[in-house]
Protein backbone atom coordinates (compact mmCIF):
# COMPACT_ATOMS: atom_id res chain seq x y z
CA MET A 1 -3.85 1.43 25.97
CA LYS A 2 -2.45 4.48 24.43
CA ARG A 3 -3.38 5.47 20.93
CA ILE A 4 -1.56 7.53 18.40
CA GLY A 5 -3.55 8.85 15.46
CA ILE A 6 -1.86 9.58 12.14
CA PHE A 7 -3.77 11.21 9.09
CA LEU A 8 -2.36 10.69 5.58
CA GLY A 9 -3.87 12.56 2.66
CA TYR A 10 -1.66 12.04 -0.52
CA PRO A 11 -2.99 12.23 -3.86
CA PRO A 12 -3.80 8.90 -5.60
CA GLU A 13 -0.59 9.12 -7.94
CA VAL A 14 1.94 9.41 -5.15
CA SER A 15 3.78 6.35 -3.90
CA LEU A 16 4.50 6.29 -0.22
CA ARG A 17 7.71 4.40 -0.73
CA LYS A 18 9.21 7.31 -2.48
CA GLU A 19 8.27 10.13 -0.08
CA GLY A 20 10.80 10.99 2.51
CA ILE A 21 8.27 12.06 5.19
CA SER A 22 6.67 8.65 4.75
CA ARG A 23 9.99 6.88 5.43
CA LEU A 24 10.49 9.11 8.56
CA LEU A 25 6.93 8.40 9.61
CA GLY A 26 7.65 4.57 9.13
CA PHE A 27 10.54 4.79 11.49
CA ILE A 28 8.58 6.88 14.12
CA MET A 29 5.82 4.28 14.06
CA LYS A 30 8.28 1.42 14.51
CA ALA A 31 9.56 3.23 17.58
CA ALA A 32 6.08 3.93 18.93
CA ILE A 33 5.00 0.33 18.78
CA ALA A 34 8.14 -0.96 20.46
CA ASP A 35 6.02 -0.23 23.65
CA ASP A 36 3.21 -2.78 23.71
CA ARG A 37 0.84 -0.35 25.34
CA VAL A 38 0.74 1.75 22.12
CA LYS A 39 -1.75 1.21 19.25
CA LEU A 40 -1.52 3.23 15.94
CA VAL A 41 -4.55 4.45 14.29
CA ILE A 42 -3.92 5.51 10.66
CA ALA A 43 -6.67 7.39 8.74
CA CYS A 44 -6.32 7.61 5.07
CA PRO A 45 -8.35 7.76 1.84
CA LYS A 46 -9.30 4.31 0.29
CA TRP A 47 -6.82 4.76 -2.65
CA LEU A 48 -3.93 4.90 -0.18
CA GLU A 49 -4.75 1.67 1.67
CA GLY A 50 -2.45 -0.46 -0.35
CA ASN A 51 0.41 1.95 -0.08
CA VAL A 52 0.03 2.22 3.66
CA ARG A 53 0.07 -1.54 4.01
CA ALA A 54 3.20 -1.74 1.88
CA LEU A 55 4.85 0.93 4.03
CA LEU A 56 3.95 -0.95 7.08
CA GLU A 57 5.34 -4.19 5.57
CA ASP A 58 8.52 -2.30 4.53
CA HIS A 59 9.21 -1.16 8.04
CA HIS A 60 8.21 -4.73 9.45
CA ILE A 61 5.41 -3.12 11.60
CA ASP A 62 3.02 -5.87 13.01
CA GLY A 63 -0.59 -5.35 12.02
CA ARG A 64 -1.86 -6.14 15.61
CA HIS A 65 -0.61 -2.67 16.62
CA VAL A 66 -2.15 -0.82 13.86
CA GLU A 67 -5.81 -0.01 13.07
CA LEU A 68 -6.37 1.36 9.69
CA MET A 69 -9.33 3.56 8.91
CA THR A 70 -10.32 4.42 5.38
CA THR A 71 -13.00 5.92 3.33
CA ARG A 72 -15.84 3.55 2.14
CA ALA A 73 -14.88 3.72 -1.54
CA VAL A 74 -12.76 5.69 -4.12
CA PRO A 75 -14.77 8.55 -5.51
CA ALA A 76 -15.96 8.25 -9.12
CA LEU A 77 -13.90 11.22 -10.37
CA ILE A 78 -10.60 9.74 -8.77
CA ARG A 79 -11.48 6.25 -10.37
CA MET A 80 -11.92 8.10 -13.73
CA SER A 81 -8.67 9.96 -13.46
CA LEU A 82 -6.89 6.73 -12.48
CA PHE A 83 -8.54 4.98 -15.61
CA VAL A 84 -7.33 7.82 -17.92
CA ARG A 85 -3.85 7.68 -16.35
CA LYS A 86 -3.58 3.90 -16.93
CA PHE A 87 -4.69 4.39 -20.62
CA VAL A 88 -2.07 7.04 -21.22
CA GLU A 89 0.52 4.65 -19.76
CA ARG A 90 -0.42 1.80 -21.93
CA SER A 91 1.80 0.80 -24.80
CA LYS A 92 0.97 1.76 -28.38
CA SER A 93 -0.51 -1.60 -29.37
CA GLN A 94 -2.73 -1.72 -26.39
CA LYS A 95 -3.98 1.93 -27.13
CA LEU A 96 -4.67 0.90 -30.76
CA LYS A 97 -6.55 -2.26 -29.71
CA LEU A 98 -8.76 -0.15 -27.39
CA ARG A 99 -9.37 2.39 -30.05
CA ARG A 100 -10.47 -0.25 -32.38
CA ARG A 101 -12.99 -1.56 -29.74
CA LEU A 102 -14.33 1.95 -29.21
CA ALA A 103 -14.49 3.11 -32.70
CA PRO A 104 -17.92 1.45 -33.44
CA PHE A 105 -19.39 2.87 -30.39
CA VAL A 106 -18.19 6.49 -30.94
CA LYS A 107 -19.35 6.23 -34.57
CA ARG A 108 -22.81 5.02 -33.51
CA VAL A 109 -23.09 7.99 -30.90
CA LEU A 110 -21.99 10.57 -33.59
CA TYR A 111 -24.46 9.03 -36.00
CA ASN A 112 -27.26 9.33 -33.57
CA LEU A 113 -26.30 12.84 -32.58
CA ARG A 114 -26.30 13.83 -36.32
CA GLN A 115 -29.67 12.20 -36.82
CA THR A 116 -31.01 14.03 -33.85
CA MET A 117 -29.56 17.34 -35.10
CA THR A 118 -30.89 16.96 -38.59
CA GLY A 119 -34.36 15.61 -37.59
CA GLY A 120 -33.71 12.11 -38.81
CA SER A 121 -34.11 10.60 -42.04
CA TRP A 122 -37.74 9.33 -41.74
CA GLY A 123 -39.10 11.70 -44.39
CA LYS A 124 -41.17 13.57 -41.85
CA LYS A 125 -40.79 17.25 -41.12
CA GLN A 126 -40.61 17.95 -37.46
CA PRO A 127 -41.95 21.20 -36.34
CA ARG A 128 -39.18 23.75 -35.25
CA GLU A 129 -39.86 23.41 -31.65
CA GLY A 130 -39.78 19.53 -31.59
CA LYS A 131 -36.48 19.77 -33.63
CA LEU A 132 -35.02 22.18 -31.02
CA LEU A 133 -36.02 19.95 -28.20
CA ALA A 134 -34.70 16.90 -29.97
CA VAL A 135 -31.33 18.54 -30.38
CA LEU A 136 -31.34 19.81 -26.83
CA PHE A 137 -32.21 16.37 -25.38
CA GLY A 138 -29.76 14.62 -27.74
CA TRP A 139 -26.95 16.97 -26.85
CA MET A 140 -27.60 16.44 -23.00
CA ALA A 141 -27.62 12.71 -23.43
CA THR A 142 -24.39 12.44 -25.43
CA SER A 143 -22.27 15.45 -24.44
CA SER A 144 -20.79 14.01 -21.31
CA ILE A 145 -19.98 10.75 -23.20
CA LEU A 146 -18.38 12.62 -25.97
CA VAL A 147 -16.31 14.92 -23.66
CA PHE A 148 -15.00 11.92 -21.85
CA LEU A 149 -14.15 10.03 -25.05
CA ALA A 150 -12.58 13.03 -26.56
CA SER A 151 -10.46 13.51 -23.54
CA VAL A 152 -9.31 9.84 -23.65
CA PHE A 153 -8.30 10.09 -27.20
CA VAL A 154 -6.64 13.37 -26.80
CA ALA A 155 -4.74 11.97 -23.76
CA ALA A 156 -3.64 8.94 -25.76
CA GLY A 157 -2.48 11.28 -28.48
């Protein structure tokens, strides 16, 4: 059996159905599997798996002649960018609902950060070094959450 390997490396937001090179690739794959001795091996990232299957279906390519190899999972950074993209594409009413649900959490995080920076309202004076450490650890614990939430709210604009 002869194997033909294909590697696809499109970014997550690209639809293979709209790419001219993908349509050409579909026609080439269809011609290649006309010979029963040929098997196609397609390697692609996990986020393209659905697009590749749709491309094969569009060109009526039988799954018995194709072996699909993907990565184990979608990386966290890609998942986060896809989430932000979905959030930006939501309707205005959906964005308002999400903002209302997130508002108490953001207020709580900001309140805790302010309490950490000012030394709290317990009436005790902290030594300067303790206050500095509290500010540093409070900032490290909340900065990544705040940056993410700020980017979501700015993107929702």
